[in-house]
Amino acid sequence: MGIIKLKNIRTFSYHGCLIEEGKIGSDYTVDLKIKTNLQKSAQTDHLLDTVDYVHLNKIVTEEMAIRSHLLEHVAKRINIRVLAEIETVEKTTVWVSKINPPIGGDVESVTIKMTEIRK
């Protein structure tokens, strides 16, 4: 088995429970880690034998573009879609961070982490 991790995917999205968050949006970062078998691609050196991180990035950016009230909701969608679209992925973990959240304090970011395992 092996790990592929995309770190610090930056998006501007419209997530949040407040009406203003849906109108003005804010900055987010996403980290995605997947567990898959990398032995074949290590032998063959062919893209078709591995998980294409371009595909992973596309899933993240497309799901982040769909408004959610909760970060948990968008994280779950990302994990489920990775498992649905890429059969060789055994486990996926996503961290979604809202930069400078409107919570009445000096907070750099708030992050949620969720994991899904193929059944």
Protein backbone atom coordinates (compact mmCIF):
# COMPACT_ATOMS: atom_id res chain seq x y z
CA MET A 1 0.00 0.00 0.00
CA GLY A 2 0.96 3.61 -0.37
CA ILE A 3 -0.25 7.13 0.34
CA ILE A 4 -0.91 10.04 -1.99
CA LYS A 5 -1.46 13.39 -0.29
CA LEU A 6 -2.50 16.70 -1.78
CA LYS A 7 -1.63 19.52 0.61
CA ASN A 8 -3.01 23.02 0.84
CA ILE A 9 -5.47 23.05 -2.06
CA ARG A 10 -6.70 26.65 -1.97
CA THR A 11 -10.25 27.60 -2.91
CA PHE A 12 -12.57 30.54 -2.54
CA SER A 13 -15.94 29.08 -1.54
CA TYR A 14 -19.29 30.01 -0.01
CA HIS A 15 -19.75 27.60 2.89
CA GLY A 16 -21.29 28.56 6.21
CA CYS A 17 -24.54 28.93 8.12
CA LEU A 18 -24.63 32.72 7.94
CA ILE A 19 -26.40 34.37 5.00
CA GLU A 20 -23.39 36.66 4.55
CA GLU A 21 -21.06 33.67 4.12
CA GLY A 22 -23.15 32.53 1.18
CA LYS A 23 -22.91 35.96 -0.41
CA ILE A 24 -19.34 37.13 0.22
CA GLY A 25 -17.52 33.79 0.50
CA SER A 26 -14.14 33.18 2.08
CA ASP A 27 -10.83 31.40 1.65
CA TYR A 28 -10.45 27.69 2.35
CA THR A 29 -7.69 25.13 2.23
CA VAL A 30 -8.13 21.42 1.76
CA ASP A 31 -5.73 18.55 2.37
CA LEU A 32 -6.58 15.14 0.94
CA LYS A 33 -4.84 11.86 1.74
CA ILE A 34 -5.69 8.60 0.03
CA LYS A 35 -4.47 5.07 0.64
CA THR A 36 -4.02 2.86 -2.42
CA ASN A 37 -1.74 0.21 -3.85
CA LEU A 38 1.21 1.94 -5.53
CA GLN A 39 3.23 -1.19 -6.30
CA LYS A 40 2.13 -1.59 -9.93
CA SER A 41 2.76 2.05 -10.85
CA ALA A 42 6.13 1.91 -9.09
CA GLN A 43 7.04 -0.98 -11.43
CA THR A 44 5.50 0.26 -14.69
CA ASP A 45 5.97 4.03 -14.43
CA HIS A 46 2.57 4.48 -16.15
CA LEU A 47 -0.03 7.02 -15.05
CA LEU A 48 -2.86 4.60 -15.81
CA ASP A 49 -1.53 2.28 -13.07
CA THR A 50 -1.87 4.82 -10.27
CA VAL A 51 -4.33 7.36 -8.86
CA ASP A 52 -4.04 10.55 -10.89
CA TYR A 53 -3.73 13.48 -8.50
CA VAL A 54 -5.19 15.74 -11.18
CA HIS A 55 -8.41 13.75 -10.79
CA LEU A 56 -8.23 14.09 -6.99
CA ASN A 57 -7.75 17.87 -7.25
CA LYS A 58 -10.70 18.11 -9.65
CA ILE A 59 -12.97 16.30 -7.19
CA VAL A 60 -11.93 18.64 -4.36
CA THR A 61 -12.37 21.86 -6.34
CA GLU A 62 -15.73 20.80 -7.80
CA GLU A 63 -17.13 19.77 -4.41
CA MET A 64 -15.81 22.93 -2.74
CA ALA A 65 -17.72 24.94 -5.35
CA ILE A 66 -21.04 23.50 -4.10
CA ARG A 67 -22.31 25.53 -1.14
CA SER A 68 -22.74 23.72 2.17
CA HIS A 69 -23.73 25.07 5.56
CA LEU A 70 -21.24 22.79 7.34
CA LEU A 71 -17.66 21.87 6.54
CA GLU A 72 -18.52 18.31 7.56
CA HIS A 73 -21.00 18.10 4.70
CA VAL A 74 -18.53 19.14 2.01
CA ALA A 75 -15.81 16.88 3.49
CA LYS A 76 -18.16 13.88 3.40
CA ARG A 77 -19.02 14.61 -0.23
CA ILE A 78 -15.33 14.76 -1.16
CA ASN A 79 -14.56 11.44 0.55
CA ILE A 80 -17.59 9.65 -0.91
CA ARG A 81 -16.89 10.91 -4.41
CA VAL A 82 -13.22 9.83 -4.29
CA LEU A 83 -14.27 6.31 -3.30
CA ALA A 84 -17.04 6.24 -5.93
CA GLU A 85 -14.88 7.42 -8.82
CA ILE A 86 -11.57 5.72 -8.08
CA GLU A 87 -11.98 2.02 -7.38
CA THR A 88 -8.39 1.45 -6.25
CA VAL A 89 -8.64 3.88 -3.31
CA GLU A 90 -9.08 1.97 -0.04
CA LYS A 91 -9.20 4.89 2.39
CA THR A 92 -9.58 8.63 2.08
CA THR A 93 -9.09 11.38 4.64
CA VAL A 94 -9.87 15.03 4.05
CA TRP A 95 -9.11 18.13 6.12
CA VAL A 96 -11.18 21.22 5.25
CA SER A 97 -10.07 24.52 6.77
CA LYS A 98 -11.94 27.82 6.76
CA ILE A 99 -9.42 30.66 6.88
CA ASN A 100 -10.22 33.53 9.25
CA PRO A 101 -13.68 32.24 10.24
CA PRO A 102 -16.29 34.76 11.44
CA ILE A 103 -16.47 33.50 15.04
CA GLY A 104 -15.86 36.71 16.95
CA GLY A 105 -12.20 36.15 17.73
CA ASP A 106 -8.71 36.24 16.29
CA VAL A 107 -8.63 32.71 14.84
CA GLU A 108 -6.40 31.81 11.90
CA SER A 109 -8.56 28.91 10.77
CA VAL A 110 -10.98 26.21 11.81
CA THR A 111 -10.41 22.69 10.46
CA ILE A 112 -12.47 19.54 10.33
CA LYS A 113 -11.06 16.11 9.48
CA MET A 114 -13.10 13.18 8.16
CA THR A 115 -12.15 9.69 7.00
CA GLU A 116 -13.99 7.10 4.90
CA ILE A 117 -12.90 3.51 4.31
CA ARG A 118 -14.05 1.36 1.41
CA LYS A 119 -16.41 -1.36 2.61
